[in-house]
């Protein structure tokens, strides 16, 4: 069973029905999570994933100078 990291609601995610990179939402609190791995299922908050992409872009911009 996979539980929402924010509110601990059972998310009822079947690892055979999701793919890495897919976004799932908690029906109880509305938080969005990215599937990082499917076996076992590992979730990452979407906000955290967006920050990581922005940090990578900032690092890339600094290298181009």
PDB file of N, CA and C in Angstrom:
ATOM      1  N   UNK A   1       0.839  -1.188   0.000  1.00  0.00           N
ATOM      2  CA  UNK A   1       0.000   0.000   0.000  1.00  0.00           C
ATOM      3  C   UNK A   1       0.881   1.248   0.000  1.00  0.00           C
ATOM      4  N   UNK A   2       0.469   2.226  -0.768  1.00  0.00           N
ATOM      5  CA  UNK A   2       1.181   3.494  -0.845  1.00  0.00           C
ATOM      6  C   UNK A   2       0.324   4.553  -0.155  1.00  0.00           C
ATOM      7  N   UNK A   3       0.960   5.283   0.750  1.00  0.00           N
ATOM      8  CA  UNK A   3       0.250   6.318   1.492  1.00  0.00           C
ATOM      9  C   UNK A   3       0.761   7.697   1.101  1.00  0.00           C
ATOM     10  N   UNK A   4      -0.140   8.667   1.120  1.00  0.00           N
ATOM     11  CA  UNK A   4       0.214  10.053   0.836  1.00  0.00           C
ATOM     12  C   UNK A   4       1.204  10.534   1.891  1.00  0.00           C
ATOM     13  N   UNK A   5       2.356  11.055   1.465  1.00  0.00           N
ATOM     14  CA  UNK A   5       3.331  11.565   2.428  1.00  0.00           C
ATOM     15  C   UNK A   5       2.820  12.774   3.219  1.00  0.00           C
ATOM     16  N   UNK A   6       1.815  13.460   2.712  1.00  0.00           N
ATOM     17  CA  UNK A   6       1.288  14.653   3.382  1.00  0.00           C
ATOM     18  C   UNK A   6       0.227  14.316   4.423  1.00  0.00           C
ATOM     19  N   UNK A   7      -0.746  13.459   4.060  1.00  0.00           N
ATOM     20  CA  UNK A   7      -1.879  13.214   4.967  1.00  0.00           C
ATOM     21  C   UNK A   7      -2.065  11.741   5.329  1.00  0.00           C
ATOM     22  N   UNK A   8      -1.225  10.864   4.775  1.00  0.00           N
ATOM     23  CA  UNK A   8      -1.225   9.430   5.075  1.00  0.00           C
ATOM     24  C   UNK A   8      -2.476   8.691   4.602  1.00  0.00           C
ATOM     25  N   UNK A   9      -3.194   9.247   3.619  1.00  0.00           N
ATOM     26  CA  UNK A   9      -4.321   8.560   3.002  1.00  0.00           C
ATOM     27  C   UNK A   9      -3.789   7.491   2.057  1.00  0.00           C
ATOM     28  N   UNK A  10      -4.447   6.320   2.015  1.00  0.00           N
ATOM     29  CA  UNK A  10      -4.065   5.262   1.083  1.00  0.00           C
ATOM     30  C   UNK A  10      -4.332   5.754  -0.339  1.00  0.00           C
ATOM     31  N   UNK A  11      -3.289   5.783  -1.174  1.00  0.00           N
ATOM     32  CA  UNK A  11      -3.422   6.287  -2.540  1.00  0.00           C
ATOM     33  C   UNK A  11      -3.907   5.230  -3.527  1.00  0.00           C
ATOM     34  N   UNK A  12      -3.926   3.969  -3.145  1.00  0.00           N
ATOM     35  CA  UNK A  12      -4.452   2.896  -3.989  1.00  0.00           C
ATOM     36  C   UNK A  12      -3.826   2.921  -5.387  1.00  0.00           C
ATOM     37  N   UNK A  13      -2.494   2.914  -5.429  1.00  0.00           N
ATOM     38  CA  UNK A  13      -1.755   2.926  -6.693  1.00  0.00           C
ATOM     39  C   UNK A  13      -1.253   1.516  -6.973  1.00  0.00           C
ATOM     40  N   UNK A  14      -1.534   0.999  -8.166  1.00  0.00           N
ATOM     41  CA  UNK A  14      -1.038  -0.306  -8.594  1.00  0.00           C
ATOM     42  C   UNK A  14       0.215  -0.077  -9.433  1.00  0.00           C
ATOM     43  N   UNK A  15       1.346  -0.638  -9.002  1.00  0.00           N
ATOM     44  CA  UNK A  15       2.605  -0.377  -9.711  1.00  0.00           C
ATOM     45  C   UNK A  15       2.582  -0.855 -11.158  1.00  0.00           C
ATOM     46  N   UNK A  16       1.645  -1.720 -11.520  1.00  0.00           N
ATOM     47  CA  UNK A  16       1.533  -2.173 -12.907  1.00  0.00           C
ATOM     48  C   UNK A  16       0.744  -1.184 -13.769  1.00  0.00           C
ATOM     49  N   UNK A  17       0.086  -0.208 -13.133  1.00  0.00           N
ATOM     50  CA  UNK A  17      -0.752   0.738 -13.867  1.00  0.00           C
ATOM     51  C   UNK A  17      -0.157   2.139 -13.957  1.00  0.00           C
ATOM     52  N   UNK A  18       1.053   2.346 -13.410  1.00  0.00           N
ATOM     53  CA  UNK A  18       1.684   3.670 -13.459  1.00  0.00           C
ATOM     54  C   UNK A  18       3.069   3.559 -14.075  1.00  0.00           C
ATOM     55  N   UNK A  19       3.572   4.689 -14.574  1.00  0.00           N
ATOM     56  CA  UNK A  19       4.904   4.753 -15.162  1.00  0.00           C
ATOM     57  C   UNK A  19       5.736   5.786 -14.419  1.00  0.00           C
ATOM     58  N   UNK A  20       7.061   5.625 -14.482  1.00  0.00           N
ATOM     59  CA  UNK A  20       7.956   6.627 -13.905  1.00  0.00           C
ATOM     60  C   UNK A  20       7.697   7.969 -14.570  1.00  0.00           C
ATOM     61  N   UNK A  21       7.691   9.027 -13.766  1.00  0.00           N
ATOM     62  CA  UNK A  21       7.448  10.367 -14.284  1.00  0.00           C
ATOM     63  C   UNK A  21       5.989  10.767 -14.281  1.00  0.00           C
ATOM     64  N   UNK A  22       5.090   9.806 -14.068  1.00  0.00           N
ATOM     65  CA  UNK A  22       3.663  10.108 -14.031  1.00  0.00           C
ATOM     66  C   UNK A  22       3.333  10.892 -12.761  1.00  0.00           C
ATOM     67  N   UNK A  23       2.353  11.784 -12.852  1.00  0.00           N
ATOM     68  CA  UNK A  23       1.917  12.577 -11.710  1.00  0.00           C
ATOM     69  C   UNK A  23       0.623  11.969 -11.167  1.00  0.00           C
ATOM     70  N   UNK A  24       0.597  11.743  -9.847  1.00  0.00           N
ATOM     71  CA  UNK A  24      -0.604  11.251  -9.180  1.00  0.00           C
ATOM     72  C   UNK A  24      -1.009  12.265  -8.119  1.00  0.00           C
ATOM     73  N   UNK A  25      -2.304  12.317  -7.842  1.00  0.00           N
ATOM     74  CA  UNK A  25      -2.823  13.260  -6.850  1.00  0.00           C
ATOM     75  C   UNK A  25      -3.496  12.509  -5.723  1.00  0.00           C
ATOM     76  N   UNK A  26      -3.377  13.048  -4.521  1.00  0.00           N
ATOM     77  CA  UNK A  26      -4.057  12.489  -3.364  1.00  0.00           C
ATOM     78  C   UNK A  26      -5.508  12.958  -3.401  1.00  0.00           C
ATOM     79  N   UNK A  27      -6.466  12.029  -3.341  1.00  0.00           N
ATOM     80  CA  UNK A  27      -7.872  12.430  -3.382  1.00  0.00           C
ATOM     81  C   UNK A  27      -8.313  13.156  -2.110  1.00  0.00           C
ATOM     82  N   UNK A  28      -7.576  12.986  -1.030  1.00  0.00           N
ATOM     83  CA  UNK A  28      -7.959  13.588   0.249  1.00  0.00           C
ATOM     84  C   UNK A  28      -7.435  15.019   0.401  1.00  0.00           C
ATOM     85  N   UNK A  29      -6.122  15.223   0.231  1.00  0.00           N
ATOM     86  CA  UNK A  29      -5.539  16.552   0.479  1.00  0.00           C
ATOM     87  C   UNK A  29      -5.215  17.313  -0.809  1.00  0.00           C
ATOM     88  N   UNK A  30      -5.243  16.624  -1.960  1.00  0.00           N
ATOM     89  CA  UNK A  30      -5.012  17.284  -3.239  1.00  0.00           C
ATOM     90  C   UNK A  30      -3.550  17.469  -3.612  1.00  0.00           C
ATOM     91  N   UNK A  31      -2.633  16.963  -2.795  1.00  0.00           N
ATOM     92  CA  UNK A  31      -1.207  17.088  -3.110  1.00  0.00           C
ATOM     93  C   UNK A  31      -0.864  16.259  -4.340  1.00  0.00           C
ATOM     94  N   UNK A  32       0.054  16.775  -5.167  1.00  0.00           N
ATOM     95  CA  UNK A  32       0.495  16.077  -6.371  1.00  0.00           C
ATOM     96  C   UNK A  32       1.879  15.497  -6.147  1.00  0.00           C
ATOM     97  N   UNK A  33       2.080  14.284  -6.671  1.00  0.00           N
ATOM     98  CA  UNK A  33       3.354  13.597  -6.524  1.00  0.00           C
ATOM     99  C   UNK A  33       3.774  12.990  -7.849  1.00  0.00           C
ATOM    100  N   UNK A  34       5.074  13.003  -8.093  1.00  0.00           N
ATOM    101  CA  UNK A  34       5.641  12.361  -9.273  1.00  0.00           C
ATOM    102  C   UNK A  34       6.083  10.958  -8.885  1.00  0.00           C
ATOM    103  N   UNK A  35       5.810   9.979  -9.751  1.00  0.00           N
ATOM    104  CA  UNK A  35       6.288   8.619  -9.540  1.00  0.00           C
ATOM    105  C   UNK A  35       7.767   8.608  -9.914  1.00  0.00           C
ATOM    106  N   UNK A  36       8.638   8.359  -8.936  1.00  0.00           N
ATOM    107  CA  UNK A  36      10.079   8.340  -9.176  1.00  0.00           C
ATOM    108  C   UNK A  36      10.508   6.946  -9.614  1.00  0.00           C
ATOM    109  N   UNK A  37      10.036   5.926  -8.920  1.00  0.00           N
ATOM    110  CA  UNK A  37      10.274   4.534  -9.302  1.00  0.00           C
ATOM    111  C   UNK A  37       8.965   3.776  -9.143  1.00  0.00           C
ATOM    112  N   UNK A  38       8.820   2.685  -9.905  1.00  0.00           N
ATOM    113  CA  UNK A  38       7.580   1.921  -9.830  1.00  0.00           C
ATOM    114  C   UNK A  38       7.713   0.617  -9.055  1.00  0.00           C
ATOM    115  N   UNK A  39       8.928   0.131  -8.858  1.00  0.00           N
ATOM    116  CA  UNK A  39       9.084  -1.128  -8.130  1.00  0.00           C
ATOM    117  C   UNK A  39      10.288  -1.046  -7.203  1.00  0.00           C
ATOM    118  N   UNK A  40      10.115  -0.654  -5.959  1.00  0.00           N
ATOM    119  CA  UNK A  40       8.846  -0.259  -5.325  1.00  0.00           C
ATOM    120  C   UNK A  40       8.459   1.164  -5.722  1.00  0.00           C
ATOM    121  N   UNK A  41       7.183   1.479  -5.539  1.00  0.00           N
ATOM    122  CA  UNK A  41       6.716   2.822  -5.869  1.00  0.00           C
ATOM    123  C   UNK A  41       7.331   3.821  -4.899  1.00  0.00           C
ATOM    124  N   UNK A  42       7.946   4.844  -5.469  1.00  0.00           N
ATOM    125  CA  UNK A  42       8.520   5.939  -4.682  1.00  0.00           C
ATOM    126  C   UNK A  42       7.956   7.243  -5.220  1.00  0.00           C
ATOM    127  N   UNK A  43       7.453   8.081  -4.320  1.00  0.00           N
ATOM    128  CA  UNK A  43       6.836   9.345  -4.705  1.00  0.00           C
ATOM    129  C   UNK A  43       7.718  10.522  -4.338  1.00  0.00           C
ATOM    130  N   UNK A  44       7.622  11.584  -5.144  1.00  0.00           N
ATOM    131  CA  UNK A  44       8.350  12.823  -4.879  1.00  0.00           C
ATOM    132  C   UNK A  44       7.352  13.960  -5.067  1.00  0.00           C
ATOM    133  N   UNK A  45       7.242  14.874  -4.101  1.00  0.00           N
ATOM    134  CA  UNK A  45       6.310  15.999  -4.280  1.00  0.00           C
ATOM    135  C   UNK A  45       6.617  16.754  -5.573  1.00  0.00           C
ATOM    136  N   UNK A  46       5.583  17.144  -6.304  1.00  0.00           N
ATOM    137  CA  UNK A  46       5.760  17.833  -7.579  1.00  0.00           C
ATOM    138  C   UNK A  46       6.534  19.126  -7.395  1.00  0.00           C
ATOM    139  N   UNK A  47       6.272  19.887  -6.333  1.00  0.00           N
ATOM    140  CA  UNK A  47       6.989  21.142  -6.099  1.00  0.00           C
ATOM    141  C   UNK A  47       8.486  20.889  -6.009  1.00  0.00           C
ATOM    142  N   UNK A  48       8.865  19.807  -5.360  1.00  0.00           N
ATOM    143  CA  UNK A  48      10.277  19.453  -5.219  1.00  0.00           C
ATOM    144  C   UNK A  48      10.878  19.121  -6.578  1.00  0.00           C
ATOM    145  N   UNK A  49      10.137  18.426  -7.422  1.00  0.00           N
ATOM    146  CA  UNK A  49      10.620  18.072  -8.753  1.00  0.00           C
ATOM    147  C   UNK A  49      10.823  19.330  -9.591  1.00  0.00           C
ATOM    148  N   UNK A  50       9.917  20.286  -9.482  1.00  0.00           N
ATOM    149  CA  UNK A  50      10.029  21.529 -10.239  1.00  0.00           C
ATOM    150  C   UNK A  50      11.256  22.306  -9.781  1.00  0.00           C
ATOM    151  N   UNK A  51      11.497  22.370  -8.483  1.00  0.00           N
ATOM    152  CA  UNK A  51      12.673  23.070  -7.971  1.00  0.00           C
ATOM    153  C   UNK A  51      13.946  22.429  -8.490  1.00  0.00           C
ATOM    154  N   UNK A  52      13.989  21.109  -8.529  1.00  0.00           N
ATOM    155  CA  UNK A  52      15.176  20.428  -9.022  1.00  0.00           C
ATOM    156  C   UNK A  52      15.450  20.808 -10.474  1.00  0.00           C
ATOM    157  N   UNK A  53      14.417  20.872 -11.315  1.00  0.00           N
ATOM    158  CA  UNK A  53      14.592  21.245 -12.713  1.00  0.00           C
ATOM    159  C   UNK A  53      15.098  22.679 -12.824  1.00  0.00           C
ATOM    160  N   UNK A  54      14.540  23.584 -12.004  1.00  0.00           N
ATOM    161  CA  UNK A  54      14.972  24.981 -12.030  1.00  0.00           C
ATOM    162  C   UNK A  54      16.425  25.105 -11.591  1.00  0.00           C
ATOM    163  N   UNK A  55      16.809  24.337 -10.571  1.00  0.00           N
ATOM    164  CA  UNK A  55      18.195  24.371 -10.103  1.00  0.00           C
ATOM    165  C   UNK A  55      19.139  23.888 -11.202  1.00  0.00           C
ATOM    166  N   UNK A  56      18.739  22.852 -11.927  1.00  0.00           N
ATOM    167  CA  UNK A  56      19.565  22.340 -13.012  1.00  0.00           C
ATOM    168  C   UNK A  56      19.717  23.384 -14.116  1.00  0.00           C
ATOM    169  N   UNK A  57      18.619  24.074 -14.438  1.00  0.00           N
ATOM    170  CA  UNK A  57      18.676  25.113 -15.464  1.00  0.00           C
ATOM    171  C   UNK A  57      19.605  26.245 -15.033  1.00  0.00           C
ATOM    172  N   UNK A  58      19.525  26.635 -13.742  1.00  0.00           N
ATOM    173  CA  UNK A  58      20.381  27.705 -13.241  1.00  0.00           C
ATOM    174  C   UNK A  58      21.847  27.302 -13.324  1.00  0.00           C
ATOM    175  N   UNK A  59      22.146  26.062 -12.995  1.00  0.00           N
ATOM    176  CA  UNK A  59      23.525  25.589 -13.076  1.00  0.00           C
ATOM    177  C   UNK A  59      23.990  25.584 -14.527  1.00  0.00           C
ATOM    178  N   UNK A  60      23.105  25.193 -15.442  1.00  0.00           N
ATOM    179  CA  UNK A  60      23.445  25.176 -16.859  1.00  0.00           C
ATOM    180  C   UNK A  60      23.678  26.570 -17.393  1.00  0.00           C
ATOM    181  N   UNK A  61      22.880  27.547 -16.944  1.00  0.00           N
ATOM    182  CA  UNK A  61      23.051  28.934 -17.388  1.00  0.00           C
ATOM    183  C   UNK A  61      24.391  29.488 -16.947  1.00  0.00           C
ATOM    184  N   UNK A  62      24.846  29.125 -15.764  1.00  0.00           N
ATOM    185  CA  UNK A  62      26.121  29.616 -15.256  1.00  0.00           C
ATOM    186  C   UNK A  62      27.295  29.066 -16.033  1.00  0.00           C
ATOM    187  N   UNK A  63      27.173  27.859 -16.563  1.00  0.00           N
ATOM    188  CA  UNK A  63      28.260  27.229 -17.307  1.00  0.00           C
ATOM    189  C   UNK A  63      28.423  27.828 -18.699  1.00  0.00           C
ATOM    190  N   UNK A  64      27.361  28.416 -19.245  1.00  0.00           N
ATOM    191  CA  UNK A  64      27.391  28.943 -20.603  1.00  0.00           C
ATOM    192  C   UNK A  64      28.084  30.302 -20.700  1.00  0.00           C
ATOM    193  N   UNK A  65      28.407  30.932 -19.594  1.00  0.00           N
ATOM    194  CA  UNK A  65      28.999  32.282 -19.616  1.00  0.00           C
ATOM    195  C   UNK A  65      30.387  32.279 -20.180  1.00  0.00           C
TER     196      UNK A  65
END
